[in-house]
Structures are given as C-alpha cells and as structure tokens.
N, C-alpha and C. Protein backbone atom coordinates (compact mmCIF):
# COMPACT_ATOMS: atom_id res chain seq x y z
N MET A 1 -6.80 16.69 -21.86
CA MET A 1 -7.21 15.14 -22.40
C MET A 1 -8.72 15.45 -22.44
N GLY A 2 -8.84 15.20 -23.40
CA GLY A 2 -9.65 14.37 -24.34
C GLY A 2 -11.07 14.05 -23.50
N THR A 3 -11.70 13.45 -23.70
CA THR A 3 -12.48 12.21 -23.69
C THR A 3 -11.94 11.16 -23.82
N GLN A 4 -11.49 11.03 -24.70
CA GLN A 4 -11.33 9.62 -25.25
C GLN A 4 -10.04 9.32 -24.91
N GLU A 5 -8.65 10.13 -24.60
CA GLU A 5 -8.05 9.62 -23.79
C GLU A 5 -7.91 9.95 -22.40
N ARG A 6 -9.10 10.23 -21.82
CA ARG A 6 -9.09 9.31 -20.66
C ARG A 6 -9.56 8.52 -20.35
N GLU A 7 -11.19 8.04 -20.74
CA GLU A 7 -11.31 6.57 -21.47
C GLU A 7 -10.43 6.13 -21.20
N VAL A 8 -9.09 5.57 -21.97
CA VAL A 8 -7.97 4.99 -22.48
C VAL A 8 -7.16 5.05 -20.56
N TYR A 9 -7.28 6.40 -20.23
CA TYR A 9 -6.27 5.79 -19.41
C TYR A 9 -7.12 5.20 -18.45
N MET A 10 -8.70 5.74 -18.40
CA MET A 10 -8.86 4.71 -16.84
C MET A 10 -8.93 3.57 -17.75
N SER A 11 -9.39 3.31 -18.64
CA SER A 11 -9.25 1.45 -17.92
C SER A 11 -7.98 0.85 -18.89
N THR A 12 -6.34 1.15 -18.61
CA THR A 12 -5.26 0.99 -18.94
C THR A 12 -4.80 0.84 -17.68
N HIS A 13 -4.66 1.58 -17.41
CA HIS A 13 -4.50 2.15 -15.47
C HIS A 13 -4.60 0.81 -14.48
N LYS A 14 -3.82 0.63 -14.17
CA LYS A 14 -4.65 -0.43 -12.76
C LYS A 14 -3.67 -0.45 -11.60
N PRO A 15 -4.57 0.81 -10.44
CA PRO A 15 -3.65 0.58 -9.29
C PRO A 15 -2.84 -1.18 -8.79
N LYS A 16 -2.71 -0.76 -7.89
CA LYS A 16 -2.26 -1.90 -7.25
C LYS A 16 -3.30 -2.37 -6.43
N LEU A 17 -3.13 -3.25 -6.16
CA LEU A 17 -5.15 -3.97 -5.71
C LEU A 17 -4.75 -3.99 -3.90
N ILE A 18 -5.56 -3.64 -3.72
CA ILE A 18 -5.64 -4.16 -2.29
C ILE A 18 -5.50 -5.55 -2.02
N GLU A 19 -5.03 -6.54 -2.43
CA GLU A 19 -4.93 -7.73 -2.09
C GLU A 19 -3.47 -7.55 -1.89
N GLU A 20 -2.86 -6.75 -2.40
CA GLU A 20 -1.74 -6.37 -2.61
C GLU A 20 -1.52 -6.26 -1.44
N PHE A 21 -2.05 -4.99 -0.81
CA PHE A 21 -1.83 -4.76 0.10
C PHE A 21 -1.60 -5.02 2.19
N VAL A 22 -2.87 -5.40 1.78
CA VAL A 22 -3.27 -7.29 3.00
C VAL A 22 -2.03 -8.28 3.29
N GLY A 23 -1.80 -8.52 1.55
CA GLY A 23 -0.66 -9.23 2.44
C GLY A 23 0.99 -9.76 2.57
N GLN A 24 0.77 -7.46 2.49
CA GLN A 24 2.15 -7.06 3.08
C GLN A 24 1.71 -6.73 4.55
N ILE A 25 0.70 -6.34 4.95
CA ILE A 25 -0.13 -6.54 5.93
C ILE A 25 0.73 -7.72 6.54
N GLN A 26 -0.32 -8.91 6.38
CA GLN A 26 -0.16 -10.00 6.93
C GLN A 26 1.30 -10.54 6.97
N GLU A 27 2.44 -10.10 5.90
CA GLU A 27 3.40 -10.52 5.72
C GLU A 27 4.23 -9.48 7.18
N ALA A 28 4.19 -8.94 7.12
CA ALA A 28 3.98 -7.82 8.96
C ALA A 28 3.71 -8.54 10.10
N LEU A 29 2.86 -8.95 9.77
CA LEU A 29 1.72 -9.57 10.98
C LEU A 29 2.28 -10.81 11.40
N GLU A 30 2.99 -11.91 9.95
CA GLU A 30 3.73 -13.10 10.51
C GLU A 30 4.33 -12.72 11.60
N GLN A 31 5.69 -11.84 11.23
CA GLN A 31 6.63 -11.70 11.39
C GLN A 31 6.23 -11.64 13.55
N ILE A 32 5.24 -11.32 13.49
CA ILE A 32 5.07 -10.91 15.62
C ILE A 32 5.18 -11.73 16.43
N PRO A 33 5.21 -12.93 15.99
CA PRO A 33 5.25 -13.94 16.89
C PRO A 33 6.63 -14.12 17.09
N GLN A 34 7.19 -14.20 15.66
CA GLN A 34 8.56 -14.51 15.53
C GLN A 34 9.47 -13.91 16.25
N ILE A 35 9.66 -12.51 16.83
CA ILE A 35 9.93 -11.55 17.27
C ILE A 35 9.15 -11.25 18.98
N LYS A 36 8.02 -12.20 18.76
CA LYS A 36 8.13 -12.29 20.85
C LYS A 36 8.47 -13.81 20.59
N GLU A 37 8.67 -14.55 19.93
CA GLU A 37 9.52 -15.76 20.86
C GLU A 37 10.70 -15.20 20.94
N THR A 38 11.70 -14.35 20.20
CA THR A 38 12.62 -13.95 19.99
C THR A 38 13.29 -13.11 21.51
N LEU A 39 12.56 -12.88 21.88
CA LEU A 39 12.13 -11.69 23.21
C LEU A 39 12.33 -11.69 24.27
N GLU A 40 11.00 -13.58 24.76
CA GLU A 40 10.86 -13.98 25.57
C GLU A 40 13.07 -15.54 25.56
N GLU A 41 13.31 -15.34 24.35
CA GLU A 41 14.82 -16.19 24.39
C GLU A 41 15.57 -15.06 25.06
N LYS A 42 14.84 -14.09 25.17
CA LYS A 42 16.32 -13.00 25.54
C LYS A 42 17.13 -13.16 24.30
N PRO A 43 16.91 -11.91 23.24
CA PRO A 43 17.86 -11.91 22.39
C PRO A 43 18.86 -10.99 22.43
N ASP A 44 19.90 -11.32 21.02
CA ASP A 44 21.26 -10.78 20.97
C ASP A 44 20.46 -9.39 20.98
N ARG A 45 21.19 -7.91 21.24
CA ARG A 45 20.00 -6.83 20.67
C ARG A 45 20.72 -7.15 19.39
N ASP A 46 21.37 -7.36 18.37
CA ASP A 46 21.07 -6.54 17.38
C ASP A 46 20.06 -7.68 16.53
N ASP A 47 19.72 -8.97 16.65
CA ASP A 47 18.81 -9.54 16.81
C ASP A 47 17.72 -8.28 16.22
N VAL A 48 17.58 -8.29 18.17
CA VAL A 48 16.26 -7.34 17.98
C VAL A 48 16.28 -6.14 16.79
N GLU A 49 17.54 -5.64 16.99
CA GLU A 49 17.41 -3.93 16.13
C GLU A 49 17.17 -4.75 14.43
N LEU A 50 17.73 -5.69 14.39
CA LEU A 50 17.46 -5.96 12.89
C LEU A 50 15.64 -6.67 12.63
N TRP A 51 15.57 -7.47 12.98
CA TRP A 51 14.44 -7.06 13.34
C TRP A 51 13.15 -6.04 13.64
N SER A 52 13.77 -5.21 14.57
CA SER A 52 12.80 -4.09 14.49
C SER A 52 12.39 -2.88 13.71
N SER A 53 13.69 -3.47 12.50
CA SER A 53 14.45 -2.99 11.65
C SER A 53 13.45 -2.86 10.05
N ASP A 54 12.92 -4.23 9.68
CA ASP A 54 12.39 -4.77 8.89
C ASP A 54 11.24 -4.65 8.84
N LEU A 55 10.91 -4.85 10.57
CA LEU A 55 9.38 -4.64 10.52
C LEU A 55 8.75 -2.98 10.50
N GLU A 56 10.06 -2.20 10.95
CA GLU A 56 9.49 -0.85 10.70
C GLU A 56 9.65 -0.27 9.53
N PHE A 57 10.59 -1.16 8.23
CA PHE A 57 10.55 -0.68 6.81
C PHE A 57 9.42 -1.35 5.99
N LYS A 58 9.02 -2.80 6.20
CA LYS A 58 8.05 -2.90 5.92
C LYS A 58 6.97 -2.07 5.76
N MET A 59 6.01 -1.73 7.39
CA MET A 59 5.50 -0.33 7.61
C MET A 59 5.91 -0.07 6.73
N GLU A 60 6.79 0.99 6.52
CA GLU A 60 7.11 1.92 6.05
C GLU A 60 6.56 2.00 3.82
N GLU A 61 6.79 1.33 3.96
CA GLU A 61 6.53 0.46 2.26
C GLU A 61 4.61 0.11 2.30
N VAL A 62 4.06 -0.41 3.05
CA VAL A 62 2.79 -0.15 2.97
C VAL A 62 1.96 1.09 3.78
N HIS A 63 2.61 1.80 4.01
CA HIS A 63 1.90 3.20 4.47
C HIS A 63 2.38 4.25 3.28
N GLU A 64 2.98 4.22 2.48
CA GLU A 64 3.82 4.44 1.14
C GLU A 64 2.92 3.74 0.25
N ASP A 65 1.84 2.77 0.00
CA ASP A 65 1.39 2.21 -1.07
C ASP A 65 -0.22 2.33 -0.55
N ILE A 66 -0.35 2.72 0.57
CA ILE A 66 -1.07 2.89 0.46
C ILE A 66 -1.82 4.80 0.15
N ARG A 67 -0.61 5.61 0.22
CA ARG A 67 -1.48 6.75 0.21
C ARG A 67 -1.15 6.96 -1.30
N ASN A 68 0.19 6.14 -2.16
CA ASN A 68 -0.31 6.50 -3.82
C ASN A 68 -1.41 5.60 -3.50
N LEU A 69 -1.86 5.38 -3.00
CA LEU A 69 -4.10 4.42 -3.98
C LEU A 69 -4.32 5.05 -3.39
N GLN A 70 -4.01 6.26 -2.10
CA GLN A 70 -5.45 7.26 -2.11
C GLN A 70 -5.22 7.87 -2.99
N ASN A 71 -4.36 8.44 -4.00
CA ASN A 71 -4.03 9.54 -4.45
C ASN A 71 -4.94 9.13 -5.89
N GLU A 72 -4.36 7.88 -6.69
CA GLU A 72 -5.02 7.68 -7.96
C GLU A 72 -6.74 7.40 -7.28
N VAL A 73 -7.14 7.08 -5.65
CA VAL A 73 -8.06 6.84 -5.78
C VAL A 73 -9.25 8.71 -5.97
N ALA A 74 -8.40 9.18 -5.61
CA ALA A 74 -7.86 10.51 -6.35
C ALA A 74 -8.18 10.72 -6.74
N GLU A 75 -7.55 10.33 -8.61
CA GLU A 75 -7.25 10.50 -9.34
C GLU A 75 -8.99 10.12 -10.42
N VAL A 76 -8.77 9.24 -9.91
CA VAL A 76 -10.29 8.56 -10.71
C VAL A 76 -11.27 9.46 -10.47
N LYS A 77 -11.61 9.66 -9.06
CA LYS A 77 -12.78 10.27 -8.73
C LYS A 77 -12.00 12.09 -9.47
N TYR A 78 -11.77 12.06 -9.49
CA TYR A 78 -11.32 13.69 -10.37
C TYR A 78 -11.87 13.29 -11.62
N GLN A 79 -10.88 12.18 -12.10
CA GLN A 79 -12.06 12.10 -13.95
C GLN A 79 -13.12 12.04 -13.82
N VAL A 80 -14.15 11.24 -13.29
CA VAL A 80 -15.16 10.60 -13.17
C VAL A 80 -16.53 11.44 -12.79
N ASP A 81 -15.60 12.42 -12.25
CA ASP A 81 -16.56 13.65 -11.18
C ASP A 81 -16.43 14.60 -12.66
N ASP A 82 -15.58 14.75 -13.54
CA ASP A 82 -15.23 15.32 -14.71
C ASP A 82 -15.76 14.99 -16.22
N LEU A 83 -15.92 13.84 -16.65
CA LEU A 83 -16.45 12.93 -17.14
C LEU A 83 -18.15 13.05 -16.81
N ARG A 84 -18.75 13.18 -15.82
CA ARG A 84 -20.13 13.95 -15.38
C ARG A 84 -19.85 14.77 -15.77
N SER A 85 -19.03 16.12 -15.59
CA SER A 85 -19.61 17.47 -15.96
C SER A 85 -19.25 17.82 -17.18
N GLU A 86 -18.56 16.60 -17.85
CA GLU A 86 -19.28 17.34 -19.27
C GLU A 86 -20.36 16.58 -19.65
N ASP A 87 -21.09 15.13 -18.60
CA ASP A 87 -22.39 14.55 -19.43
C ASP A 87 -23.35 15.50 -19.83
N ARG A 88 -23.81 17.05 -18.57
CA ARG A 88 -24.36 18.17 -17.96
C ARG A 88 -24.59 18.82 -19.21
C-alpha cells in the first residue's frame, strides 16, 4: 500500500466510536436494577434465564466490539509507525 493509499484509508476509515461502546455498556447496566427487582419478586426461572441470556449476549457484543477497536487501533498505530519510518 503506497503512502497516498494509506492516507486515503486513514482519512476515510472511521472506527466505531467509543461513545457507542459506552452506550452499549450503559444499556446493559440499566437492566441490572430491573433484574434485581425481578429477583426480589421471586421470579419465574424462565424470566431469570431470559434476562441472564440477554445480558450475557449484550456483554459478549461489547467484548467483541472492544476487541475490534483494539485491532483497529493496532492497525492505525502500525500505519503511523510505518509512515514515520518512511519519513526518516
């Protein structure tokens, strides 16, 4: 990939915003009081399993998004390092 191609890639490639990750985490955290309330009411086992499954799924999504972000950051860092070495 030439220097111009890297510059175009870096300027047009937009990684998922951290705010989106924070939003997903907040969404999952907002469910916790609802889960606690349901548990206090001695819920049906199916309700608990459904909520637990939903929360687990959301946390897996967040974890996957974080891994993707880490990969994107590593790629950008590699590109920056590469560009710096070409400038020397």
